[in-house]
Amino acid sequence: MENKLEKPQIIALAEKPVTYNLFDGKWIPCSAKYIVMGCKPDNRGIVQIYELTSGESSLIFETVKDLPIKCCTFGASSLKQRHLATGGFTGKLEIWDIEHMKDPLYSVDAHKEIINSIDGFGGQTVGCGAPEIVTGGRDGFVRVWDPRQKDKPVVAMEPTDINQKRDCWTVTFGNSYNNEERVVCAGYDNGDIKMFDLKNMSVRWETNIKNGVCCIEFDRKEIEMNKLVATTLEAKFYVWDLRTHHASRGFTSLKEKAHKSTVWAVRHLPQNRDLFMTCGGNGSLCLWQYNYPDKRWREDAEGKEVGVVGTLSLLQNVTLATQPISSFHWCPDKLGLAVATSFDQTHRVIIVTKLNLY
């Protein structure tokens, strides 16, 4: 019989209920602090910073803003500055110094409607191109911003027919392995997934998975693109092997059912790109391991290379909340430490054990 204790354990180290709706949370780089944000009952925005000491979360900072905040990222800022980029309900993109959050350092009307998703890259890794922020909105637009350039996006991906625009639910950067290469992947409410090549300013790849795409993430942003995971509304997620592209078949993928509910988010472990967590609408977390095949490509009947996808192992699953877990963020500095926010108005510090064995 398999001993369950030999597997990684997912443990809620600290739980903090709040009096507002939580939308996002992130670890502050190079610290034992994390930041959470959302919407107060009076429809104002709120940002709180907590510090983890001796296994307890203590509130050390709070600020209230005029409008709710939907999403955030530190990805376009250096580890020294640690500037926070936020996306709001009215489509405003703002960048903040978390030490002085009275007024934003940068503010632009990025979208005409709510910013559903934000991602940043280029600030924290040497030799990977410009610091940039990508936003995806309900207006159907995907826009890339350089914080050093005011008012106008450096790239804008627009719906071909504005009357048939789709709600963009999720965006992410990837393939940024040198100063020239970079892609943005976006997922939409109708199941569309589009990969935009920022170097060539073109759509590099697109597909439709017939289900609203809640979250999308590369296993690593700073390497030549390797794997992509997309989660959906109806209890499924997909994994694509991106190393081999076939002219007619595209990228090879696998599909997995999980959580028996909406899969709200996916987050790859910073220290191991083949481990990732999915977050469920039933308040559960699932930890997965991707297993590579013996050979990642084969020849088809015409002698062309076709990708071979691997398999997935469910390492552990646990139910922590009574409502959907809407955001999850691994601590980049401490293996197995994470923060999660849930619609039960609680944020949780999570510890996952035994990850060093994988």
Protein backbone atom coordinates (compact mmCIF):
# COMPACT_ATOMS: atom_id res chain seq x y z
CA MET A 1 0.00 0.00 0.00
CA GLU A 2 1.26 3.44 -0.89
CA ASN A 3 2.06 5.64 2.08
CA LYS A 4 0.33 8.98 1.59
CA LEU A 5 2.82 10.68 3.88
CA GLU A 6 5.58 9.92 1.38
CA LYS A 7 3.86 12.28 -1.05
CA PRO A 8 4.02 16.07 -0.84
CA GLN A 9 1.57 17.48 1.69
CA ILE A 10 -0.38 20.72 1.07
CA ILE A 11 -0.78 22.51 4.39
CA ALA A 12 -2.50 25.80 5.23
CA LEU A 13 0.06 27.41 7.54
CA ALA A 14 -1.90 30.60 8.20
CA GLU A 15 -5.45 31.69 7.33
CA LYS A 16 -6.64 35.28 7.50
CA PRO A 17 -10.30 36.20 6.91
CA VAL A 18 -10.96 39.72 5.63
CA THR A 19 -14.04 41.88 5.16
CA TYR A 20 -13.73 42.42 1.41
CA ASN A 21 -13.72 40.41 -1.82
CA LEU A 22 -10.22 39.16 -2.62
CA PHE A 23 -9.11 39.08 -6.26
CA ASP A 24 -5.33 38.62 -6.29
CA GLY A 25 -2.28 38.05 -4.11
CA LYS A 26 1.49 38.00 -4.70
CA TRP A 27 4.64 37.45 -2.69
CA ILE A 28 6.79 40.55 -2.55
CA PRO A 29 10.17 39.52 -4.06
CA CYS A 30 13.11 39.02 -1.67
CA SER A 31 10.96 39.30 1.46
CA ALA A 32 8.73 37.40 3.86
CA LYS A 33 5.83 39.67 2.91
CA TYR A 34 2.92 39.27 0.55
CA ILE A 35 0.34 41.63 -0.87
CA VAL A 36 -3.40 41.02 -1.37
CA MET A 37 -6.05 43.21 -2.97
CA GLY A 38 -9.67 43.42 -3.95
CA CYS A 39 -12.95 45.28 -3.54
CA LYS A 40 -14.59 46.61 -0.35
CA PRO A 41 -18.38 46.47 0.14
CA ASP A 42 -18.59 50.19 -0.75
CA ASN A 43 -17.00 49.37 -4.14
CA ARG A 44 -13.65 50.95 -3.27
CA GLY A 45 -10.36 49.17 -3.80
CA ILE A 46 -8.13 47.93 -1.01
CA VAL A 47 -4.49 46.80 -0.85
CA GLN A 48 -3.00 45.08 2.19
CA ILE A 49 0.53 43.88 2.94
CA TYR A 50 1.11 41.04 5.39
CA GLU A 51 4.34 39.77 6.89
CA LEU A 52 4.95 36.13 7.76
CA THR A 53 6.68 35.73 11.13
CA SER A 54 6.85 32.53 13.19
CA GLY A 55 4.11 30.95 11.10
CA GLU A 56 1.68 33.85 11.56
CA SER A 57 0.50 36.48 9.07
CA SER A 58 0.48 40.01 10.48
CA LEU A 59 -1.03 43.03 8.72
CA ILE A 60 1.65 45.72 8.37
CA PHE A 61 0.13 48.06 5.76
CA GLU A 62 -3.25 48.96 4.30
CA THR A 63 -4.46 51.54 1.80
CA VAL A 64 -7.88 52.20 0.28
CA LYS A 65 -8.32 53.40 -3.29
CA ASP A 66 -11.28 54.94 -5.11
CA LEU A 67 -11.79 51.92 -7.38
CA PRO A 68 -11.45 48.13 -7.00
CA ILE A 69 -8.25 46.38 -8.13
CA LYS A 70 -8.55 43.14 -10.11
CA CYS A 71 -5.00 41.86 -10.73
CA CYS A 72 -1.33 42.64 -10.13
CA THR A 73 2.28 41.72 -11.00
CA PHE A 74 5.83 42.53 -9.91
CA GLY A 75 7.27 40.96 -13.08
CA ALA A 76 8.30 44.12 -14.95
CA SER A 77 10.14 45.65 -11.99
CA SER A 78 13.66 45.02 -10.71
CA LEU A 79 14.19 43.13 -7.47
CA LYS A 80 15.59 46.33 -5.98
CA GLN A 81 12.62 48.57 -6.84
CA ARG A 82 9.81 45.98 -6.49
CA HIS A 83 7.25 48.22 -8.16
CA LEU A 84 3.75 46.76 -8.34
CA ALA A 85 1.66 46.99 -11.52
CA THR A 86 -2.12 46.73 -11.04
CA GLY A 87 -5.11 46.39 -13.34
CA GLY A 88 -8.40 47.95 -12.30
CA PHE A 89 -12.14 47.62 -12.91
CA THR A 90 -12.32 50.73 -15.10
CA GLY A 91 -9.45 49.59 -17.35
CA LYS A 92 -6.72 51.63 -15.67
CA LEU A 93 -3.15 50.28 -15.49
CA GLU A 94 -1.15 51.73 -12.60
CA ILE A 95 2.36 51.18 -11.22
CA TRP A 96 3.06 51.74 -7.53
CA ASP A 97 5.99 52.06 -5.19
CA ILE A 98 4.79 49.76 -2.41
CA GLU A 99 6.66 51.86 0.15
CA HIS A 100 4.64 54.96 -0.84
CA MET A 101 1.25 54.02 -2.26
CA LYS A 102 -0.51 57.37 -2.04
CA ASP A 103 -0.06 58.18 -5.75
CA PRO A 104 0.92 55.89 -8.64
CA LEU A 105 4.27 56.24 -10.39
CA TYR A 106 2.56 55.51 -13.72
CA SER A 107 -1.07 55.57 -14.76
CA VAL A 108 -2.75 54.97 -18.10
CA ASP A 109 -6.27 54.17 -19.33
CA ALA A 110 -5.23 50.81 -20.78
CA HIS A 111 -8.71 49.46 -21.60
CA LYS A 112 -12.27 50.73 -21.90
CA GLU A 113 -13.52 48.02 -19.53
CA ILE A 114 -12.17 45.89 -16.69
CA ILE A 115 -8.62 44.53 -16.92
CA ASN A 116 -9.11 40.80 -16.30
CA SER A 117 -5.47 39.75 -16.37
CA ILE A 118 -1.97 41.23 -16.14
CA ASP A 119 1.54 39.86 -16.47
CA GLY A 120 4.98 41.42 -16.38
CA PHE A 121 8.44 40.41 -17.47
CA GLY A 122 11.90 41.80 -18.10
CA GLY A 123 12.50 43.46 -14.78
CA GLN A 124 13.94 40.61 -12.76
CA THR A 125 16.11 38.59 -15.15
CA VAL A 126 19.34 39.65 -16.84
CA GLY A 127 19.44 39.62 -20.64
CA CYS A 128 15.81 38.96 -21.47
CA GLY A 129 14.64 42.12 -23.18
CA ALA A 130 12.75 45.22 -22.14
CA PRO A 131 10.61 45.44 -19.00
CA GLU A 132 7.05 45.07 -20.26
CA ILE A 133 3.54 44.60 -18.93
CA VAL A 134 0.73 42.86 -20.83
CA THR A 135 -2.94 43.46 -20.07
CA GLY A 136 -6.05 41.65 -21.29
CA GLY A 137 -9.49 43.23 -20.97
CA ARG A 138 -13.17 42.64 -21.30
CA ASP A 139 -13.04 44.94 -24.34
CA GLY A 140 -11.27 42.13 -26.23
CA PHE A 141 -7.95 43.95 -26.51
CA VAL A 142 -4.53 42.64 -25.52
CA ARG A 143 -1.96 45.42 -25.03
CA VAL A 144 1.72 45.44 -24.15
CA TRP A 145 3.14 48.38 -22.18
CA ASP A 146 6.67 49.60 -21.51
CA PRO A 147 6.67 51.52 -18.18
CA ARG A 148 9.33 53.82 -19.63
CA GLN A 149 6.93 54.93 -22.38
CA LYS A 150 3.98 57.04 -21.35
CA ASP A 151 0.37 56.78 -22.56
CA LYS A 152 0.69 54.50 -25.61
CA PRO A 153 1.13 50.70 -25.71
CA VAL A 154 4.14 49.35 -27.57
CA VAL A 155 1.92 46.61 -29.05
CA ALA A 156 -1.87 46.33 -29.36
CA MET A 157 -3.66 43.17 -30.46
CA GLU A 158 -7.18 44.12 -31.53
CA PRO A 159 -10.26 42.05 -32.43
CA THR A 160 -10.66 41.83 -36.21
CA ASP A 161 -14.36 42.63 -35.83
CA ILE A 162 -15.03 44.95 -32.90
CA ASN A 163 -18.72 43.98 -32.99
CA GLN A 164 -17.81 40.34 -32.33
CA LYS A 165 -15.10 40.95 -29.74
CA ARG A 166 -14.40 38.24 -27.19
CA ASP A 167 -13.73 38.81 -23.50
CA CYS A 168 -9.99 38.26 -22.86
CA TRP A 169 -9.73 36.45 -19.53
CA THR A 170 -6.03 35.68 -19.25
CA VAL A 171 -2.63 36.77 -20.63
CA THR A 172 0.96 35.68 -20.09
CA PHE A 173 4.48 36.26 -21.43
CA GLY A 174 6.79 33.51 -22.69
CA ASN A 175 9.70 32.56 -24.98
CA SER A 176 11.76 35.49 -23.72
CA TYR A 177 15.11 33.71 -23.82
CA ASN A 178 17.08 36.57 -25.37
CA ASN A 179 16.73 40.29 -26.03
CA GLU A 180 14.76 39.83 -29.27
CA GLU A 181 12.37 36.93 -28.77
CA ARG A 182 9.13 37.23 -26.81
CA VAL A 183 5.56 36.01 -27.19
CA VAL A 184 2.27 36.81 -25.49
CA CYS A 185 -0.39 34.14 -25.10
CA ALA A 186 -4.00 35.13 -24.49
CA GLY A 187 -7.09 33.08 -23.61
CA TYR A 188 -10.68 34.15 -24.28
CA ASP A 189 -14.18 33.38 -23.02
CA ASN A 190 -15.09 31.37 -26.14
CA GLY A 191 -12.11 28.98 -25.85
CA ASP A 192 -9.80 30.81 -28.24
CA ILE A 193 -6.09 30.75 -27.44
CA LYS A 194 -3.83 33.05 -29.45
CA MET A 195 -0.04 33.26 -29.35
CA PHE A 196 1.31 36.61 -30.54
CA ASP A 197 4.94 36.87 -31.67
CA LEU A 198 6.15 40.29 -30.49
CA LYS A 199 9.34 40.10 -32.58
CA ASN A 200 7.55 39.54 -35.90
CA MET A 201 4.28 41.25 -34.87
CA SER A 202 2.15 38.33 -36.01
CA VAL A 203 -0.09 35.55 -34.69
CA ARG A 204 2.30 32.63 -34.28
CA TRP A 205 -0.26 30.00 -33.33
CA GLU A 206 -3.94 29.77 -32.41
CA THR A 207 -6.42 27.12 -31.39
CA ASN A 208 -9.83 26.75 -29.76
CA ILE A 209 -10.53 24.39 -26.85
CA LYS A 210 -14.34 24.92 -26.91
CA ASN A 211 -14.39 26.16 -23.32
CA GLY A 212 -13.71 29.48 -21.62
CA VAL A 213 -9.99 29.85 -20.84
CA CYS A 214 -9.62 30.94 -17.20
CA CYS A 215 -5.83 30.94 -16.93
CA ILE A 216 -2.83 30.32 -19.14
CA GLU A 217 0.87 29.99 -18.25
CA PHE A 218 4.16 28.85 -19.75
CA ASP A 219 6.23 26.56 -17.54
CA ARG A 220 8.98 29.22 -17.76
CA LYS A 221 8.96 32.70 -19.27
CA GLU A 222 12.72 33.09 -19.68
CA ILE A 223 13.49 29.95 -21.74
CA GLU A 224 12.75 28.88 -25.29
CA MET A 225 9.09 27.97 -25.00
CA ASN A 226 8.72 24.43 -23.72
CA LYS A 227 5.23 23.73 -22.29
CA LEU A 228 1.99 25.69 -22.01
CA VAL A 229 -0.91 24.96 -19.63
CA ALA A 230 -4.44 26.38 -20.03
CA THR A 231 -7.27 25.90 -17.53
CA THR A 232 -10.97 26.10 -18.38
CA LEU A 233 -14.46 26.71 -17.02
CA GLU A 234 -15.60 23.09 -17.06
CA ALA A 235 -13.13 21.09 -14.95
CA LYS A 236 -10.49 20.55 -17.63
CA PHE A 237 -7.00 21.79 -18.33
CA TYR A 238 -4.68 21.28 -21.30
CA VAL A 239 -0.91 20.87 -21.60
CA TRP A 240 0.88 21.53 -24.90
CA ASP A 241 4.43 20.50 -25.79
CA LEU A 242 5.76 23.56 -27.65
CA ARG A 243 9.11 22.23 -28.82
CA THR A 244 7.76 20.61 -32.04
CA HIS A 245 5.25 22.35 -34.31
CA HIS A 246 3.62 20.41 -37.14
CA ALA A 247 2.35 22.37 -40.15
CA SER A 248 -1.17 20.89 -40.02
CA ARG A 249 -1.46 19.29 -36.56
CA GLY A 250 0.09 22.18 -34.64
CA PHE A 251 1.41 21.46 -31.15
CA THR A 252 0.65 18.13 -29.47
CA SER A 253 -1.41 18.33 -26.29
CA LEU A 254 -3.06 16.33 -23.54
CA LYS A 255 -6.30 17.03 -21.66
CA GLU A 256 -6.97 16.32 -17.99
CA LYS A 257 -10.08 16.60 -15.80
CA ALA A 258 -9.64 18.06 -12.33
CA HIS A 259 -11.50 19.57 -9.35
CA LYS A 260 -14.99 18.61 -10.68
CA SER A 261 -15.45 22.36 -11.12
CA THR A 262 -13.95 25.39 -12.85
CA VAL A 263 -10.14 25.32 -12.87
CA TRP A 264 -9.47 28.93 -11.96
CA ALA A 265 -5.69 29.11 -12.16
CA VAL A 266 -2.43 27.27 -12.87
CA ARG A 267 0.95 28.16 -11.39
CA HIS A 268 4.26 26.41 -12.10
CA LEU A 269 6.75 25.94 -9.29
CA PRO A 270 9.62 28.45 -9.81
CA GLN A 271 12.24 25.90 -8.74
CA ASN A 272 10.91 23.04 -10.92
CA ARG A 273 9.09 23.73 -14.19
CA ASP A 274 7.56 20.23 -14.32
CA LEU A 275 5.51 20.70 -11.14
CA PHE A 276 2.42 22.93 -11.11
CA MET A 277 -0.61 23.69 -8.98
CA THR A 278 -4.18 24.05 -10.26
CA CYS A 279 -6.89 25.88 -8.30
CA GLY A 280 -10.50 24.70 -8.24
CA GLY A 281 -13.90 26.32 -8.04
CA ASN A 282 -14.71 23.88 -5.23
CA GLY A 283 -11.95 25.34 -3.03
CA SER A 284 -9.40 22.63 -3.81
CA LEU A 285 -5.75 22.61 -4.87
CA CYS A 286 -4.17 19.91 -7.05
CA LEU A 287 -0.41 19.43 -7.38
CA TRP A 288 0.68 17.86 -10.68
CA GLN A 289 3.91 16.49 -12.13
CA TYR A 290 4.53 16.42 -15.88
CA ASN A 291 6.42 13.33 -17.08
CA TYR A 292 8.29 13.64 -20.38
CA PRO A 293 8.08 10.87 -22.99
CA ASP A 294 11.20 8.90 -23.96
CA LYS A 295 11.30 10.88 -27.21
CA ARG A 296 9.58 14.26 -27.66
CA TRP A 297 8.91 13.89 -31.38
CA ARG A 298 8.28 11.25 -34.02
CA GLU A 299 8.04 11.22 -37.81
CA ASP A 300 4.67 11.13 -39.52
CA ALA A 301 3.90 9.29 -42.78
CA GLU A 302 5.43 12.16 -44.75
CA GLY A 303 8.61 12.20 -42.72
CA LYS A 304 7.76 15.41 -40.85
CA GLU A 305 8.28 15.80 -37.14
CA VAL A 306 5.22 15.55 -34.86
CA GLY A 307 5.43 16.30 -31.15
CA VAL A 308 4.86 13.54 -28.59
CA VAL A 309 3.18 14.67 -25.39
CA GLY A 310 4.03 13.25 -21.97
CA THR A 311 1.81 12.17 -19.07
CA LEU A 312 0.59 13.73 -15.83
CA SER A 313 0.74 12.44 -12.26
CA LEU A 314 -1.48 13.85 -9.52
CA LEU A 315 0.89 14.15 -6.57
CA GLN A 316 -1.57 15.56 -4.05
CA ASN A 317 -4.92 17.27 -3.72
CA VAL A 318 -6.64 18.98 -0.81
CA THR A 319 -9.76 21.09 -0.21
CA LEU A 320 -8.96 24.24 1.76
CA ALA A 321 -11.89 26.59 1.12
CA THR A 322 -15.65 26.58 0.70
CA GLN A 323 -15.48 28.91 -2.33
CA PRO A 324 -13.28 29.07 -5.46
CA ILE A 325 -9.56 29.64 -4.99
CA SER A 326 -9.16 32.52 -7.42
CA SER A 327 -5.42 33.20 -7.21
CA PHE A 328 -2.27 31.32 -6.22
CA HIS A 329 1.33 32.50 -6.17
CA TRP A 330 4.46 30.54 -5.31
CA CYS A 331 7.11 32.38 -3.31
CA PRO A 332 10.09 32.74 -5.71
CA ASP A 333 12.59 32.66 -2.85
CA LYS A 334 11.43 29.75 -0.64
CA LEU A 335 10.67 26.29 -2.04
CA GLY A 336 7.10 25.17 -1.34
CA LEU A 337 5.81 28.43 0.14
CA ALA A 338 2.75 30.02 -1.50
CA VAL A 339 -0.14 32.41 -0.94
CA ALA A 340 -3.70 31.79 -2.14
CA THR A 341 -6.81 33.99 -2.16
CA SER A 342 -10.34 32.69 -2.20
CA PHE A 343 -13.87 34.00 -2.69
CA ASP A 344 -14.64 32.96 0.90
CA GLN A 345 -12.86 36.26 1.78
CA THR A 346 -9.82 34.48 3.19
CA HIS A 347 -6.19 34.50 2.15
CA ARG A 348 -3.99 31.58 3.09
CA VAL A 349 -0.27 30.97 3.38
CA ILE A 350 0.36 27.49 1.99
CA ILE A 351 3.29 25.15 2.55
CA VAL A 352 3.87 22.20 0.21
CA THR A 353 6.34 19.66 1.58
CA LYS A 354 8.82 17.25 -0.06
CA LEU A 355 9.12 19.22 -3.32
CA ASN A 356 12.89 18.83 -3.14
CA LEU A 357 12.41 15.11 -3.93
CA TYR A 358 11.16 15.85 -7.47
